[in-house]
Amino acid sequence: MTLGLAHSEVVLADYDSDWKKEFERVKQELVAQTKVHTSRIQHIGSTAIEGLRAKPIIDIALGISVFSDLNPELELQLKAIGFLRLKVEMSDRVVFAKFTDDSYLIKTHYLHVMPFESDLWHDLMYFRNQLINSAELRSAYSKLKSQAASTNRHIDDYTDTKTEFVASVCQQRKQQCIR
């Protein structure tokens, strides 16, 4: 299994069943180091979807009770297993990454730390589960990702291309909650 991409690089790899094994390995590290319950550590992103091409970076969601739980102690625990806090500014999460080595050029894992049971948490789980359960949705997303990767060489453009699709799927969850 080859894992990792350089900053801003967009490359899709064929699905690799070792991605799930790697997630499980890192999940056990997270549980052992942080004592966070296993239900609050979830494999997200395209590497979690069997058969879907993906950027070869493992995305993980870690749910904490409240943002104040993201304290220096938790950051030190994450650092002890190789997760470094990124300078990404997001109001709904804090992002950490693992790298291949001390050059910090190739990211292999992203850890998205957010409040457990938040809208973001539910959206991420819903989107992942919809892709797992719907071959039609998975196919449409796969085509969009391939198109985006072939025309957008920078990660921001690639991500922006997928945003509307992801938002439309997540909107279905919100509409179901209203009913």
Protein backbone atom coordinates (compact mmCIF):
# COMPACT_ATOMS: atom_id res chain seq x y z
CA MET A 1 0.00 0.00 0.00
CA THR A 2 1.31 3.40 -0.99
CA LEU A 3 0.04 6.19 1.21
CA GLY A 4 0.52 9.94 1.04
CA LEU A 5 0.55 13.03 -1.14
CA ALA A 6 2.58 16.22 -1.22
CA HIS A 7 0.99 19.53 -0.22
CA SER A 8 -1.74 20.59 -2.69
CA GLU A 9 -1.17 17.53 -4.91
CA VAL A 10 -4.21 15.86 -6.48
CA VAL A 11 -3.74 12.22 -7.47
CA LEU A 12 -6.39 9.51 -7.29
CA ALA A 13 -5.43 5.91 -6.58
CA ASP A 14 -7.47 2.78 -7.14
CA TYR A 15 -9.20 1.49 -4.02
CA ASP A 16 -6.89 -0.48 -1.73
CA SER A 17 -8.35 -2.76 0.96
CA ASP A 18 -5.28 -2.00 3.07
CA TRP A 19 -6.70 1.51 3.65
CA LYS A 20 -9.29 0.06 6.04
CA LYS A 21 -6.61 -1.99 7.79
CA GLU A 22 -4.49 1.13 8.18
CA PHE A 23 -7.46 3.03 9.60
CA GLU A 24 -8.06 0.24 12.15
CA ARG A 25 -4.39 0.29 13.14
CA VAL A 26 -4.41 4.06 13.68
CA LYS A 27 -7.76 3.86 15.47
CA GLN A 28 -6.22 1.49 18.02
CA GLU A 29 -3.30 3.91 18.47
CA LEU A 30 -5.75 6.76 19.05
CA VAL A 31 -7.77 4.76 21.59
CA ALA A 32 -4.64 3.66 23.46
CA GLN A 33 -3.15 7.16 23.51
CA THR A 34 -6.24 9.33 24.10
CA LYS A 35 -8.74 6.94 25.75
CA VAL A 36 -11.41 8.27 23.35
CA HIS A 37 -14.18 5.67 22.88
CA THR A 38 -13.98 3.73 19.62
CA SER A 39 -17.42 4.99 18.52
CA ARG A 40 -15.96 8.50 18.39
CA ILE A 41 -13.23 7.54 15.92
CA GLN A 42 -14.56 7.00 12.40
CA HIS A 43 -13.05 6.35 8.99
CA ILE A 44 -14.31 9.05 6.63
CA GLY A 45 -13.43 10.27 3.17
CA SER A 46 -13.09 8.24 0.01
CA THR A 47 -10.60 5.74 1.44
CA ALA A 48 -13.49 4.50 3.60
CA ILE A 49 -15.58 3.59 0.55
CA GLU A 50 -14.88 0.17 -0.96
CA GLY A 51 -14.27 0.38 -4.70
CA LEU A 52 -13.94 4.18 -4.84
CA ARG A 53 -10.79 5.81 -6.21
CA ALA A 54 -9.32 8.20 -3.67
CA LYS A 55 -6.43 10.41 -2.79
CA PRO A 56 -4.21 7.97 -0.86
CA ILE A 57 -4.60 9.78 2.47
CA ILE A 58 -6.58 8.25 5.34
CA ASP A 59 -9.22 10.66 6.70
CA ILE A 60 -10.34 10.11 10.28
CA ALA A 61 -13.00 11.91 12.33
CA LEU A 62 -12.42 12.15 16.08
CA GLY A 63 -15.42 13.30 18.10
CA ILE A 64 -14.84 15.16 21.35
CA SER A 65 -17.51 16.34 23.79
CA VAL A 66 -16.87 20.05 23.26
CA PHE A 67 -14.12 22.08 21.65
CA SER A 68 -12.74 22.90 25.09
CA ASP A 69 -11.79 19.19 25.25
CA LEU A 70 -9.20 20.01 22.59
CA ASN A 71 -6.68 21.05 25.19
CA PRO A 72 -2.88 20.98 25.26
CA GLU A 73 -2.95 17.50 26.84
CA LEU A 74 -4.95 16.04 23.93
CA GLU A 75 -2.68 17.79 21.43
CA LEU A 76 0.36 16.26 23.15
CA GLN A 77 -1.27 12.81 23.08
CA LEU A 78 -1.91 13.18 19.35
CA LYS A 79 1.62 14.45 18.74
CA ALA A 80 3.01 11.39 20.58
CA ILE A 81 1.55 9.17 17.83
CA GLY A 82 2.61 11.46 15.00
CA PHE A 83 -0.36 13.78 14.49
CA LEU A 84 0.62 17.43 14.14
CA ARG A 85 -1.86 20.29 14.21
CA LEU A 86 -2.17 22.06 10.88
CA LYS A 87 -2.58 25.80 10.47
CA VAL A 88 -5.92 25.28 8.73
CA GLU A 89 -8.56 27.74 9.96
CA MET A 90 -12.00 26.10 10.25
CA SER A 91 -14.74 27.07 12.67
CA ASP A 92 -16.19 23.58 13.00
CA ARG A 93 -13.06 21.44 13.40
CA VAL A 94 -9.33 21.34 14.01
CA VAL A 95 -7.23 19.36 11.55
CA PHE A 96 -4.12 17.32 12.34
CA ALA A 97 -1.94 15.35 9.93
CA LYS A 98 0.60 12.54 9.94
CA PHE A 99 3.55 12.71 7.57
CA THR A 100 5.89 10.13 6.07
CA ASP A 101 8.94 11.67 7.76
CA ASP A 102 10.41 14.74 9.43
CA SER A 103 10.58 16.67 6.16
CA TYR A 104 6.78 17.12 6.57
CA LEU A 105 6.33 17.09 2.80
CA ILE A 106 4.07 14.04 2.34
CA LYS A 107 0.82 13.76 4.34
CA THR A 108 -0.49 10.23 4.93
CA HIS A 109 -3.39 10.82 7.35
CA TYR A 110 -5.76 13.63 8.28
CA LEU A 111 -7.42 13.71 11.67
CA HIS A 112 -10.49 15.97 11.84
CA VAL A 113 -11.25 16.77 15.50
CA MET A 114 -14.78 18.08 16.06
CA PRO A 115 -17.59 18.00 18.57
CA PHE A 116 -19.16 14.53 18.63
CA GLU A 117 -22.79 14.55 17.43
CA SER A 118 -22.35 18.02 15.84
CA ASP A 119 -23.93 18.83 12.46
CA LEU A 120 -20.54 18.31 10.87
CA TRP A 121 -20.16 14.89 12.53
CA HIS A 122 -23.61 13.82 11.33
CA ASP A 123 -22.98 15.16 7.81
CA LEU A 124 -19.69 13.27 7.49
CA MET A 125 -21.21 10.00 8.71
CA TYR A 126 -24.30 10.43 6.53
CA PHE A 127 -22.27 11.19 3.40
CA ARG A 128 -19.96 8.21 3.99
CA ASN A 129 -22.88 5.85 4.66
CA GLN A 130 -24.81 7.05 1.61
CA LEU A 131 -21.78 6.35 -0.61
CA ILE A 132 -21.36 2.90 0.93
CA ASN A 133 -25.05 2.02 0.48
CA SER A 134 -25.81 3.53 -2.94
CA ALA A 135 -23.98 2.25 -6.02
CA GLU A 136 -25.63 5.00 -8.08
CA LEU A 137 -24.45 7.77 -5.77
CA ARG A 138 -20.99 6.21 -5.50
CA SER A 139 -20.72 6.06 -9.31
CA ALA A 140 -21.79 9.70 -9.71
CA TYR A 141 -19.29 10.81 -7.06
CA SER A 142 -16.54 8.72 -8.63
CA LYS A 143 -17.11 10.36 -12.02
CA LEU A 144 -17.11 13.83 -10.46
CA LYS A 145 -13.87 13.10 -8.57
CA SER A 146 -12.13 11.77 -11.68
CA GLN A 147 -13.25 14.78 -13.69
CA ALA A 148 -12.14 17.16 -10.93
CA ALA A 149 -8.75 15.45 -10.59
CA SER A 150 -8.08 15.59 -14.33
CA THR A 151 -8.94 19.30 -14.63
CA ASN A 152 -7.82 20.65 -11.24
CA ARG A 153 -4.22 20.09 -10.30
CA HIS A 154 -4.48 22.10 -7.05
CA ILE A 155 -6.26 20.65 -4.03
CA ASP A 156 -8.38 23.77 -3.38
CA ASP A 157 -9.89 23.65 -6.88
CA TYR A 158 -10.41 19.89 -6.63
CA THR A 159 -12.20 20.28 -3.28
CA ASP A 160 -14.32 23.19 -4.51
CA THR A 161 -15.51 21.08 -7.46
CA LYS A 162 -16.84 18.40 -5.08
CA THR A 163 -18.41 20.79 -2.54
CA GLU A 164 -21.81 21.21 -4.21
CA PHE A 165 -22.24 17.44 -4.63
CA VAL A 166 -21.37 16.75 -0.99
CA ALA A 167 -23.63 19.58 0.21
CA SER A 168 -26.58 18.26 -1.81
CA VAL A 169 -26.23 14.79 -0.26
CA CYS A 170 -25.91 16.25 3.25
CA GLN A 171 -28.97 18.42 2.63
CA GLN A 172 -31.00 15.21 2.30
CA ARG A 173 -30.07 14.34 5.89
CA LYS A 174 -31.22 17.73 7.09
CA GLN A 175 -34.52 17.39 5.23
CA GLN A 176 -35.09 13.97 6.80
CA CYS A 177 -34.53 15.50 10.25
CA ILE A 178 -37.22 18.13 9.58
CA ARG A 179 -39.88 15.57 8.67
